[in-house]
Amino acid sequence: MESQGRQSLGSAVGQASATPEPRQEPRTGTEAGAAGPGAVRARRFLLCLYLVGFLDLFGVSMVIPLLSRHVRSLGASPTVAGIVGSSYGILQFFSSTFVGCWSDVVGRRSSLLACILLSALGYLLLGGATNVFLFVLARVPAGIFKHTLSISRALLSDLVTEKERPLVIGQFNTASSVGFILGPVVGGYLTELDGGFYLTAFVCFSIFILNAGLVWLFPWHGAQVGGTKGGQRSGESHAVSGKTVCREARAAAPAHGAPTWDEAARPPWGQVVRALRDMRSLVSSAMWDIYLVRLLMAVAVMLYHSNFALALEERFGVRPRTTGYLIGCSSGLGALAGLALGPLLRLCRHDTRALLLRSGALTGALLGLFAAARTLGLAAACAALLAFSSAVGRTCVTDLQLAVGGARAGGALLGLGQSVTAVARVIAPLLSGLAQEVSPCGPPSLGAALALAAVCVMSLNKPRLSSGRSDTLKSE
């Protein structure tokens, strides 16, 4: 088992995609070497997913900074603009878990394509919005179906071993973060042209269409999820490109583990009912502590970001341009966190919970230090390290959800995690406003307290979180 855990990503996915031998005899050297092309296809598939993540956030980040300004230009008051901005988070809260369960039922390929195309429709409508009503209407498709990154992470978790999963998801987050850094630069340039916002929205629509084409052309035939001894793979889907069966129901599936004919032929309304049933089961699960940690850490970091620019201006007299440089540098360091996950996990002996505990403690300490900083240099250093520690923490909590979830479907788990994050987006601005009434240092100080509470929750639940990780890796 230990030697199985050491298998490389390419080997694990390559063996998974190899055609099963008709005989039970050991492979010869030539037969074993046939797994090479499968490994190449699997690596190519992962690189394509990284490109999709990069383009996704590149397109979105071109538009996001311009939304509040554009809705105000359409005649909306500040209150109406705030309500319009909150509506997106509310839609995400209600749709995240359902879309995740739906991806477990209909398959990653179909759900990913549908979400990309419907999100593209939303940005196309946004480019044609000439009043506040049309603006709100255009945000509805994106609010409901903009879960492409969650489905992509669920697809990654289907393809790689449990030991490799944090590293691969970290690399995916790095690619996405680079897109989020470059997007505002391009969007700011396009905005200065005639009809800049509408042009930016159309470019974002075109990027999503390009992404849909990439997903359609993916080498799905090289991304077959393989089996364990006897051709059976415990608790996993055998073909990410086709229909999948939620893992909770896998015990009733045939011995070969493939979806039944009834599942594959289920009509759309039946798939919706199935997704709702799985979502209800997931919400009532015993994973409350994992999602509580995610909520506390998300609120803590959002409290810090909510008044970062204002705090620097009030405390140190920093100009907006300097603040922008600090945010850009910090974001760049946060993007590199995915590349550092490999060494960090080796230091923690591949214990994701231990790494999450340390990153949470570091995040809390840095938030407290940022709140108490008396010089701009110390505040800037805290900001850079916070971007790194929070990025590591996000990847670890995602992996811990999938590990502790065990028999539960990956798409549903990640979808519920996004719903928890949506709750944090609603709570954080309210708490930030109250904390700022006390002091400009109030939001990061409150964030430090919440991060400490998350560390306490992880420490008190250490035995269960440690035992929740499956001992069987996704490899032969």
Protein backbone atom coordinates (compact mmCIF):
# COMPACT_ATOMS: atom_id res chain seq x y z
CA MET A 1 0.00 0.00 0.00
CA GLU A 2 2.83 2.39 0.79
CA SER A 3 4.38 1.78 -2.61
CA GLN A 4 1.00 2.37 -4.23
CA GLY A 5 0.75 5.75 -2.55
CA ARG A 6 4.08 6.77 -4.09
CA GLN A 7 2.86 6.35 -7.66
CA SER A 8 3.19 9.50 -9.75
CA LEU A 9 0.24 11.41 -11.16
CA GLY A 10 0.98 10.40 -14.71
CA SER A 11 1.37 6.77 -13.76
CA ALA A 12 -1.83 6.69 -11.74
CA VAL A 13 -3.98 8.34 -14.38
CA GLY A 14 -2.20 6.57 -17.21
CA GLN A 15 -2.82 3.14 -15.68
CA ALA A 16 -6.40 4.20 -15.02
CA SER A 17 -6.91 4.93 -18.69
CA ALA A 18 -5.34 1.74 -19.96
CA THR A 19 -7.58 -0.93 -21.51
CA PRO A 20 -8.14 -3.86 -19.11
CA GLU A 21 -6.32 -7.04 -20.07
CA PRO A 22 -8.57 -9.96 -21.05
CA ARG A 23 -6.37 -12.33 -19.07
CA GLN A 24 -5.38 -12.24 -15.42
CA GLU A 25 -1.76 -13.03 -16.21
CA PRO A 26 0.98 -10.53 -15.27
CA ARG A 27 1.84 -8.01 -17.99
CA THR A 28 4.94 -8.41 -20.04
CA GLY A 29 7.37 -5.57 -20.57
CA THR A 30 5.72 -4.60 -23.84
CA GLU A 31 2.23 -4.63 -22.34
CA ALA A 32 3.34 -2.55 -19.35
CA GLY A 33 4.92 -0.02 -21.67
CA ALA A 34 1.59 0.45 -23.42
CA ALA A 35 0.48 2.62 -20.52
CA GLY A 36 2.83 5.37 -21.74
CA PRO A 37 0.44 6.97 -24.28
CA GLY A 38 -2.31 6.89 -21.67
CA ALA A 39 -0.11 8.80 -19.24
CA VAL A 40 0.62 11.42 -21.91
CA ARG A 41 -3.09 11.83 -22.65
CA ALA A 42 -3.86 12.15 -18.95
CA ARG A 43 -1.20 14.84 -18.49
CA ARG A 44 -2.53 16.67 -21.54
CA PHE A 45 -6.02 16.50 -20.05
CA LEU A 46 -4.83 18.08 -16.80
CA LEU A 47 -3.03 20.87 -18.68
CA CYS A 48 -6.23 21.56 -20.62
CA LEU A 49 -8.12 21.86 -17.31
CA TYR A 50 -5.50 24.32 -16.04
CA LEU A 51 -5.99 26.39 -19.20
CA VAL A 52 -9.76 26.38 -18.69
CA GLY A 53 -9.29 27.62 -15.12
CA PHE A 54 -6.95 30.38 -16.29
CA LEU A 55 -9.30 31.59 -19.05
CA ASP A 56 -12.33 31.40 -16.74
CA LEU A 57 -11.01 33.82 -14.13
CA PHE A 58 -9.22 35.89 -16.77
CA GLY A 59 -12.54 36.64 -18.43
CA VAL A 60 -14.49 37.16 -15.21
CA SER A 61 -11.88 39.46 -13.64
CA MET A 62 -12.07 41.72 -16.69
CA VAL A 63 -15.70 42.51 -15.85
CA ILE A 64 -16.01 42.27 -12.05
CA PRO A 65 -14.16 45.53 -11.20
CA LEU A 66 -16.41 47.44 -13.62
CA LEU A 67 -19.82 46.20 -12.42
CA SER A 68 -20.52 48.67 -9.62
CA ARG A 69 -19.40 51.61 -11.74
CA HIS A 70 -21.53 50.51 -14.70
CA VAL A 71 -24.72 49.93 -12.70
CA ARG A 72 -24.31 53.41 -11.19
CA SER A 73 -23.94 54.84 -14.70
CA LEU A 74 -27.32 53.24 -15.54
CA GLY A 75 -28.97 55.41 -12.86
CA ALA A 76 -28.95 53.10 -9.85
CA SER A 77 -28.57 54.62 -6.40
CA PRO A 78 -25.84 53.33 -4.08
CA THR A 79 -28.42 51.26 -2.15
CA VAL A 80 -29.81 49.69 -5.33
CA ALA A 81 -26.29 49.03 -6.57
CA GLY A 82 -25.52 47.24 -3.30
CA ILE A 83 -28.66 45.11 -3.57
CA VAL A 84 -27.81 44.22 -7.16
CA GLY A 85 -24.31 43.19 -6.09
CA SER A 86 -25.68 41.03 -3.27
CA SER A 87 -28.14 39.27 -5.58
CA TYR A 88 -25.28 37.40 -7.27
CA GLY A 89 -24.08 35.99 -3.94
CA ILE A 90 -27.62 34.97 -2.98
CA LEU A 91 -28.07 33.09 -6.27
CA GLN A 92 -24.71 31.40 -5.74
CA PHE A 93 -25.74 30.33 -2.25
CA PHE A 94 -28.86 28.53 -3.44
CA SER A 95 -27.41 27.08 -6.64
CA SER A 96 -23.91 25.90 -5.62
CA THR A 97 -24.89 22.69 -3.85
CA PHE A 98 -27.57 21.80 -6.40
CA VAL A 99 -25.24 22.26 -9.39
CA GLY A 100 -22.59 20.19 -7.62
CA CYS A 101 -25.05 17.32 -7.02
CA TRP A 102 -26.27 17.67 -10.59
CA SER A 103 -22.72 17.24 -11.90
CA ASP A 104 -22.47 13.98 -9.94
CA VAL A 105 -25.66 12.73 -11.62
CA VAL A 106 -25.24 13.78 -15.27
CA GLY A 107 -21.44 13.66 -15.49
CA ARG A 108 -18.68 16.25 -15.39
CA ARG A 109 -18.51 16.86 -19.14
CA SER A 110 -22.20 17.67 -19.62
CA SER A 111 -22.46 19.82 -16.51
CA LEU A 112 -19.21 21.69 -17.24
CA LEU A 113 -20.29 22.48 -20.81
CA ALA A 114 -23.74 23.60 -19.68
CA CYS A 115 -22.37 25.88 -16.97
CA ILE A 116 -19.81 27.47 -19.31
CA LEU A 117 -22.35 28.14 -22.06
CA LEU A 118 -25.03 29.51 -19.73
CA SER A 119 -22.48 31.73 -18.00
CA ALA A 120 -21.42 32.98 -21.44
CA LEU A 121 -25.06 33.84 -22.13
CA GLY A 122 -25.14 35.89 -18.94
CA TYR A 123 -22.11 37.96 -19.97
CA LEU A 124 -23.52 38.43 -23.47
CA LEU A 125 -26.75 39.80 -21.95
CA LEU A 126 -24.66 41.96 -19.63
CA GLY A 127 -22.97 43.54 -22.64
CA GLY A 128 -26.38 44.50 -24.01
CA ALA A 129 -27.90 45.77 -20.74
CA THR A 130 -29.05 49.37 -21.16
CA ASN A 131 -30.99 49.73 -17.88
CA VAL A 132 -30.90 48.38 -14.33
CA PHE A 133 -33.59 45.76 -14.96
CA LEU A 134 -31.69 44.22 -17.87
CA PHE A 135 -28.49 44.39 -15.80
CA VAL A 136 -30.10 42.38 -12.99
CA LEU A 137 -31.58 39.93 -15.50
CA ALA A 138 -28.17 39.41 -17.08
CA ARG A 139 -26.66 38.49 -13.70
CA VAL A 140 -29.13 35.63 -13.18
CA PRO A 141 -27.55 33.01 -15.55
CA ALA A 142 -24.08 33.66 -14.14
CA GLY A 143 -25.35 33.63 -10.57
CA ILE A 144 -26.97 30.23 -11.04
CA PHE A 145 -24.50 28.48 -13.34
CA LYS A 146 -21.10 30.10 -12.73
CA HIS A 147 -19.73 27.02 -10.95
CA THR A 148 -17.25 26.00 -13.60
CA LEU A 149 -14.27 26.06 -11.25
CA SER A 150 -16.01 23.85 -8.67
CA ILE A 151 -16.89 21.27 -11.32
CA SER A 152 -13.33 21.39 -12.64
CA ARG A 153 -11.97 20.71 -9.15
CA ALA A 154 -14.41 17.82 -8.75
CA LEU A 155 -13.17 16.45 -12.07
CA LEU A 156 -9.58 16.72 -10.88
CA SER A 157 -10.47 14.81 -7.72
CA ASP A 158 -11.96 12.07 -9.91
CA LEU A 159 -8.74 11.68 -11.88
CA VAL A 160 -5.89 11.73 -9.40
CA THR A 161 -4.88 9.81 -6.31
CA GLU A 162 -5.83 11.14 -2.90
CA LYS A 163 -2.17 11.79 -2.17
CA GLU A 164 -1.71 13.86 -5.34
CA ARG A 165 -5.04 15.70 -5.06
CA PRO A 166 -3.92 18.73 -2.96
CA LEU A 167 -0.95 19.34 -5.26
CA VAL A 168 -3.02 19.15 -8.45
CA ILE A 169 -5.81 21.33 -7.06
CA GLY A 170 -3.15 23.80 -5.88
CA GLN A 171 -1.69 23.98 -9.38
CA PHE A 172 -5.19 24.51 -10.78
CA ASN A 173 -5.73 27.35 -8.29
CA THR A 174 -2.41 28.88 -9.33
CA ALA A 175 -3.41 28.89 -13.00
CA SER A 176 -6.77 30.44 -12.11
CA SER A 177 -5.15 33.09 -9.88
CA VAL A 178 -2.80 34.16 -12.68
CA GLY A 179 -5.87 34.78 -14.84
CA PHE A 180 -7.44 36.82 -12.04
CA ILE A 181 -4.30 38.96 -11.83
CA LEU A 182 -4.04 39.66 -15.57
CA GLY A 183 -7.76 40.13 -16.27
CA PRO A 184 -8.24 43.52 -14.56
CA VAL A 185 -5.27 44.92 -16.49
CA VAL A 186 -6.85 44.04 -19.85
CA GLY A 187 -10.31 45.07 -18.66
CA GLY A 188 -9.03 48.46 -17.51
CA TYR A 189 -7.44 49.06 -20.91
CA LEU A 190 -10.60 48.09 -22.83
CA THR A 191 -12.78 50.26 -20.59
CA GLU A 192 -11.01 53.41 -21.77
CA LEU A 193 -12.15 52.74 -25.36
CA ASP A 194 -15.52 53.88 -26.74
CA GLY A 195 -18.24 51.64 -25.32
CA GLY A 196 -15.59 50.08 -23.13
CA PHE A 197 -17.85 48.15 -20.75
CA TYR A 198 -19.89 46.59 -23.52
CA LEU A 199 -16.71 45.64 -25.40
CA THR A 200 -15.25 44.10 -22.23
CA ALA A 201 -18.42 42.06 -21.60
CA PHE A 202 -18.38 40.79 -25.20
CA VAL A 203 -14.70 39.79 -24.90
CA CYS A 204 -15.59 37.91 -21.70
CA PHE A 205 -18.42 36.15 -23.57
CA SER A 206 -15.98 35.18 -26.33
CA ILE A 207 -13.54 33.74 -23.79
CA PHE A 208 -16.28 31.57 -22.29
CA ILE A 209 -17.22 30.33 -25.77
CA LEU A 210 -13.55 29.48 -26.33
CA ASN A 211 -13.56 27.61 -23.03
CA ALA A 212 -16.62 25.63 -24.10
CA GLY A 213 -14.82 24.67 -27.31
CA LEU A 214 -11.79 23.51 -25.33
CA VAL A 215 -13.96 21.34 -23.07
CA TRP A 216 -15.70 19.88 -26.11
CA LEU A 217 -12.33 19.03 -27.68
CA PHE A 218 -10.82 17.63 -24.47
CA PRO A 219 -9.18 14.18 -24.86
CA TRP A 220 -11.92 12.62 -22.70
CA HIS A 221 -11.03 9.17 -24.01
CA GLY A 222 -7.71 9.50 -22.21
CA ALA A 223 -9.30 10.46 -18.90
CA GLN A 224 -10.97 7.19 -17.98
CA VAL A 225 -10.92 6.51 -14.28
CA GLY A 226 -9.42 3.10 -13.73
CA GLY A 227 -9.98 0.36 -11.24
CA THR A 228 -8.47 -1.47 -8.39
CA LYS A 229 -7.95 -5.17 -8.16
CA GLY A 230 -10.47 -7.07 -10.17
CA GLY A 231 -11.35 -4.05 -12.25
CA GLN A 232 -13.44 -2.45 -9.52
CA ARG A 233 -12.74 0.96 -8.16
CA SER A 234 -14.21 1.64 -4.75
CA GLY A 235 -16.60 4.58 -4.61
CA GLU A 236 -15.58 6.23 -7.91
CA SER A 237 -17.04 6.94 -11.32
CA HIS A 238 -15.65 4.91 -14.21
CA ALA A 239 -16.07 7.49 -16.93
CA VAL A 240 -15.96 11.20 -16.15
CA SER A 241 -17.17 11.96 -19.65
CA GLY A 242 -20.39 10.02 -19.27
CA LYS A 243 -23.08 9.61 -16.68
CA THR A 244 -21.95 9.14 -13.12
CA VAL A 245 -23.58 7.64 -10.10
CA CYS A 246 -23.46 9.38 -6.74
CA ARG A 247 -21.14 7.50 -4.47
CA GLU A 248 -23.73 7.04 -1.73
CA ALA A 249 -25.77 4.88 -4.07
CA ARG A 250 -22.80 2.91 -5.39
CA ALA A 251 -23.47 0.04 -2.99
CA ALA A 252 -26.58 -0.78 -5.02
CA ALA A 253 -24.73 -0.67 -8.35
CA PRO A 254 -23.62 -3.79 -10.28
CA ALA A 255 -20.35 -5.48 -9.39
CA HIS A 256 -18.42 -3.77 -12.18
CA GLY A 257 -19.25 -0.35 -10.67
CA ALA A 258 -20.59 1.26 -13.88
CA PRO A 259 -23.85 3.24 -13.93
CA THR A 260 -26.98 1.18 -14.37
CA TRP A 261 -29.13 1.49 -17.50
CA ASP A 262 -31.84 3.18 -15.45
CA GLU A 263 -29.36 5.85 -14.32
CA ALA A 264 -28.06 6.47 -17.83
CA ALA A 265 -31.58 6.68 -19.27
CA ARG A 266 -32.99 8.87 -16.48
CA PRO A 267 -34.96 11.83 -17.96
CA PRO A 268 -33.93 15.41 -17.10
CA TRP A 269 -36.63 15.87 -14.45
CA GLY A 270 -35.54 12.60 -12.85
CA GLN A 271 -31.94 13.87 -12.76
CA VAL A 272 -33.13 17.04 -11.01
CA VAL A 273 -35.03 15.00 -8.40
CA ARG A 274 -31.98 12.80 -7.87
CA ALA A 275 -29.74 15.84 -7.40
CA LEU A 276 -32.18 17.39 -4.90
CA ARG A 277 -32.30 14.14 -2.90
CA ASP A 278 -28.50 13.94 -2.79
CA MET A 279 -28.31 17.61 -1.80
CA ARG A 280 -30.71 17.06 1.11
CA SER A 281 -28.67 14.12 2.33
CA LEU A 282 -25.46 16.12 2.08
CA VAL A 283 -26.79 19.16 3.95
CA SER A 284 -27.86 16.92 6.84
CA SER A 285 -24.45 15.28 7.01
CA ALA A 286 -22.12 15.19 10.00
CA MET A 287 -19.46 17.31 8.26
CA TRP A 288 -20.54 20.44 10.08
CA ASP A 289 -17.09 21.04 11.55
CA ILE A 290 -15.38 21.12 8.13
CA TYR A 291 -17.84 23.66 6.80
CA LEU A 292 -17.72 25.66 10.03
CA VAL A 293 -13.94 25.95 9.64
CA ARG A 294 -14.41 27.02 6.02
CA LEU A 295 -17.00 29.64 7.05
CA LEU A 296 -14.88 31.08 9.86
CA MET A 297 -11.74 31.30 7.74
CA ALA A 298 -13.63 32.79 4.77
CA VAL A 299 -15.23 35.49 6.93
CA ALA A 300 -11.87 36.22 8.58
CA VAL A 301 -10.07 36.78 5.25
CA MET A 302 -12.98 38.75 3.76
CA LEU A 303 -13.04 41.05 6.77
CA TYR A 304 -9.40 41.84 6.06
CA HIS A 305 -10.00 42.45 2.35
CA SER A 306 -13.18 44.48 2.90
CA ASN A 307 -11.39 47.57 4.18
CA PHE A 308 -7.80 46.92 3.11
CA ALA A 309 -7.51 50.00 0.90
CA LEU A 310 -9.38 52.23 3.35
CA ALA A 311 -7.27 51.04 6.29
CA LEU A 312 -4.01 51.77 4.48
CA GLU A 313 -5.24 55.23 3.54
CA GLU A 314 -6.46 56.13 7.03
CA ARG A 315 -3.57 54.59 8.96
CA PHE A 316 -0.59 55.30 6.68
CA GLY A 317 -1.82 57.82 4.10
CA VAL A 318 -1.20 55.40 1.21
CA ARG A 319 -2.34 56.55 -2.24
CA PRO A 320 -4.67 54.32 -4.29
CA ARG A 321 -1.93 53.62 -6.87
CA THR A 322 0.42 52.32 -4.17
CA THR A 323 -2.41 50.23 -2.74
CA GLY A 324 -2.95 48.72 -6.19
CA TYR A 325 0.72 47.75 -6.42
CA LEU A 326 0.53 46.11 -2.98
CA ILE A 327 -2.59 44.16 -3.95
CA GLY A 328 -0.97 43.02 -7.22
CA CYS A 329 2.22 41.84 -5.50
CA SER A 330 0.26 40.04 -2.79
CA SER A 331 -1.95 38.33 -5.37
CA GLY A 332 1.13 37.18 -7.25
CA LEU A 333 2.56 35.60 -4.10
CA GLY A 334 -0.78 33.96 -3.40
CA ALA A 335 -0.76 32.46 -6.89
CA LEU A 336 2.61 30.87 -6.18
CA ALA A 337 1.16 29.10 -3.14
CA GLY A 338 -0.08 26.26 -5.34
CA LEU A 339 3.46 25.54 -6.50
CA ALA A 340 4.70 25.40 -2.90
CA LEU A 341 2.10 22.86 -1.78
CA GLY A 342 4.26 19.89 -2.73
CA PRO A 343 7.17 20.74 -0.37
CA LEU A 344 4.76 21.87 2.35
CA LEU A 345 2.82 18.60 2.21
CA ARG A 346 6.03 16.61 2.37
CA LEU A 347 7.02 18.54 5.49
CA CYS A 348 3.64 17.63 7.02
CA ARG A 349 3.95 14.00 5.84
CA HIS A 350 1.01 14.51 3.46
CA ASP A 351 -1.34 15.31 6.36
CA THR A 352 -3.71 17.92 4.92
CA ARG A 353 -5.37 18.55 8.27
CA ALA A 354 -2.03 19.38 9.89
CA LEU A 355 -1.15 21.79 7.07
CA LEU A 356 -4.59 23.43 7.32
CA LEU A 357 -4.14 23.81 11.08
CA ARG A 358 -0.78 25.52 10.60
CA SER A 359 -1.96 27.78 7.81
CA GLY A 360 -5.01 28.77 9.86
CA ALA A 361 -2.84 29.63 12.86
CA LEU A 362 -0.48 31.63 10.62
CA THR A 363 -3.40 33.47 9.03
CA GLY A 364 -4.80 34.41 12.43
CA ALA A 365 -1.39 35.60 13.67
CA LEU A 366 -0.82 37.69 10.52
CA LEU A 367 -4.27 39.29 10.78
CA GLY A 368 -3.53 40.29 14.36
CA LEU A 369 -0.09 41.61 13.39
CA PHE A 370 -1.58 43.58 10.48
CA ALA A 371 -4.11 45.16 12.83
CA ALA A 372 -1.33 46.16 15.26
CA ALA A 373 1.19 47.31 12.60
CA ARG A 374 2.58 50.79 13.10
CA THR A 375 4.63 50.99 9.90
CA LEU A 376 3.71 50.55 6.24
CA GLY A 377 6.54 48.06 5.71
CA LEU A 378 5.21 45.70 8.38
CA ALA A 379 1.66 46.00 7.04
CA ALA A 380 2.86 45.24 3.49
CA ALA A 381 4.81 42.18 4.69
CA CYS A 382 1.72 40.91 6.53
CA ALA A 383 -0.41 41.44 3.41
CA ALA A 384 1.99 39.42 1.25
CA LEU A 385 2.21 36.53 3.72
CA LEU A 386 -1.56 36.58 4.24
CA ALA A 387 -2.12 36.05 0.53
CA PHE A 388 0.16 33.01 0.67
CA SER A 389 -1.27 31.45 3.86
CA SER A 390 -4.90 31.98 2.86
CA ALA A 391 -4.28 30.41 -0.57
CA VAL A 392 -2.74 27.35 1.08
CA GLY A 393 -5.66 27.17 3.49
CA ARG A 394 -8.26 27.27 0.71
CA THR A 395 -6.64 24.35 -1.08
CA CYS A 396 -6.30 22.34 2.12
CA VAL A 397 -9.91 22.81 3.21
CA THR A 398 -11.09 21.76 -0.26
CA ASP A 399 -9.01 18.58 -0.07
CA LEU A 400 -10.21 17.91 3.47
CA GLN A 401 -13.85 18.14 2.35
CA LEU A 402 -13.21 15.46 -0.28
CA ALA A 403 -11.20 13.29 2.11
CA VAL A 404 -13.57 13.37 5.08
CA GLY A 405 -16.63 13.17 2.81
CA GLY A 406 -15.63 9.60 1.97
CA ALA A 407 -18.67 8.09 0.27
CA ARG A 408 -20.17 11.40 -0.73
CA ALA A 409 -20.00 12.81 -4.26
CA GLY A 410 -17.22 15.28 -4.99
CA GLY A 411 -19.35 17.74 -6.94
CA ALA A 412 -21.91 17.98 -4.14
CA LEU A 413 -19.20 18.45 -1.53
CA LEU A 414 -17.53 21.28 -3.43
CA GLY A 415 -20.90 22.83 -4.27
CA LEU A 416 -21.89 22.97 -0.61
CA GLY A 417 -18.49 24.50 0.15
CA GLN A 418 -19.23 27.27 -2.35
CA SER A 419 -22.59 27.85 -0.67
CA VAL A 420 -20.76 28.28 2.64
CA THR A 421 -18.44 30.81 0.98
CA ALA A 422 -21.49 32.65 -0.37
CA VAL A 423 -22.79 32.93 3.21
CA ALA A 424 -19.44 34.42 4.19
CA ARG A 425 -19.79 37.02 1.42
CA VAL A 426 -23.08 38.13 2.96
CA ILE A 427 -21.87 38.14 6.58
CA ALA A 428 -18.44 39.72 6.12
CA PRO A 429 -19.55 43.18 4.85
CA LEU A 430 -22.02 43.52 7.75
CA LEU A 431 -19.43 42.58 10.37
CA SER A 432 -16.87 44.81 8.69
CA GLY A 433 -19.15 47.83 8.88
CA LEU A 434 -19.81 47.24 12.58
CA ALA A 435 -16.11 46.71 13.33
CA GLN A 436 -15.11 49.87 11.46
CA GLU A 437 -17.43 51.87 13.72
CA VAL A 438 -15.08 50.93 16.56
CA SER A 439 -11.70 51.33 14.83
CA PRO A 440 -10.03 51.14 11.38
CA CYS A 441 -8.20 48.13 12.83
CA GLY A 442 -11.47 46.49 13.85
CA PRO A 443 -12.07 44.24 10.79
CA PRO A 444 -8.63 42.53 10.78
CA SER A 445 -8.76 42.20 14.58
CA LEU A 446 -12.14 40.48 14.36
CA GLY A 447 -10.77 38.34 11.54
CA ALA A 448 -7.89 37.24 13.76
CA ALA A 449 -10.37 36.17 16.46
CA LEU A 450 -12.43 34.16 13.95
CA ALA A 451 -9.31 32.47 12.58
CA LEU A 452 -8.35 31.51 16.12
CA ALA A 453 -11.84 30.04 16.60
CA ALA A 454 -11.37 27.97 13.43
CA VAL A 455 -8.05 26.65 14.74
CA CYS A 456 -9.76 25.66 18.00
CA VAL A 457 -12.48 23.78 16.08
CA MET A 458 -9.83 21.88 14.10
CA SER A 459 -7.87 21.06 17.25
CA LEU A 460 -10.94 19.76 19.11
CA ASN A 461 -11.97 17.55 16.17
CA LYS A 462 -8.48 16.26 15.37
CA PRO A 463 -9.23 12.51 15.90
CA ARG A 464 -12.27 12.45 13.59
CA LEU A 465 -10.71 14.64 10.90
CA SER A 466 -7.58 12.50 10.89
CA SER A 467 -9.55 9.26 10.63
CA GLY A 468 -11.81 10.56 7.90
CA ARG A 469 -9.13 10.20 5.22
CA SER A 470 -9.52 7.08 3.18
CA ASP A 471 -6.69 4.59 3.35
CA THR A 472 -7.26 3.52 -0.23
CA LEU A 473 -5.74 5.81 -2.85
CA LYS A 474 -7.14 6.15 -6.32
CA SER A 475 -4.55 3.93 -7.91
CA GLU A 476 -4.09 0.31 -8.74
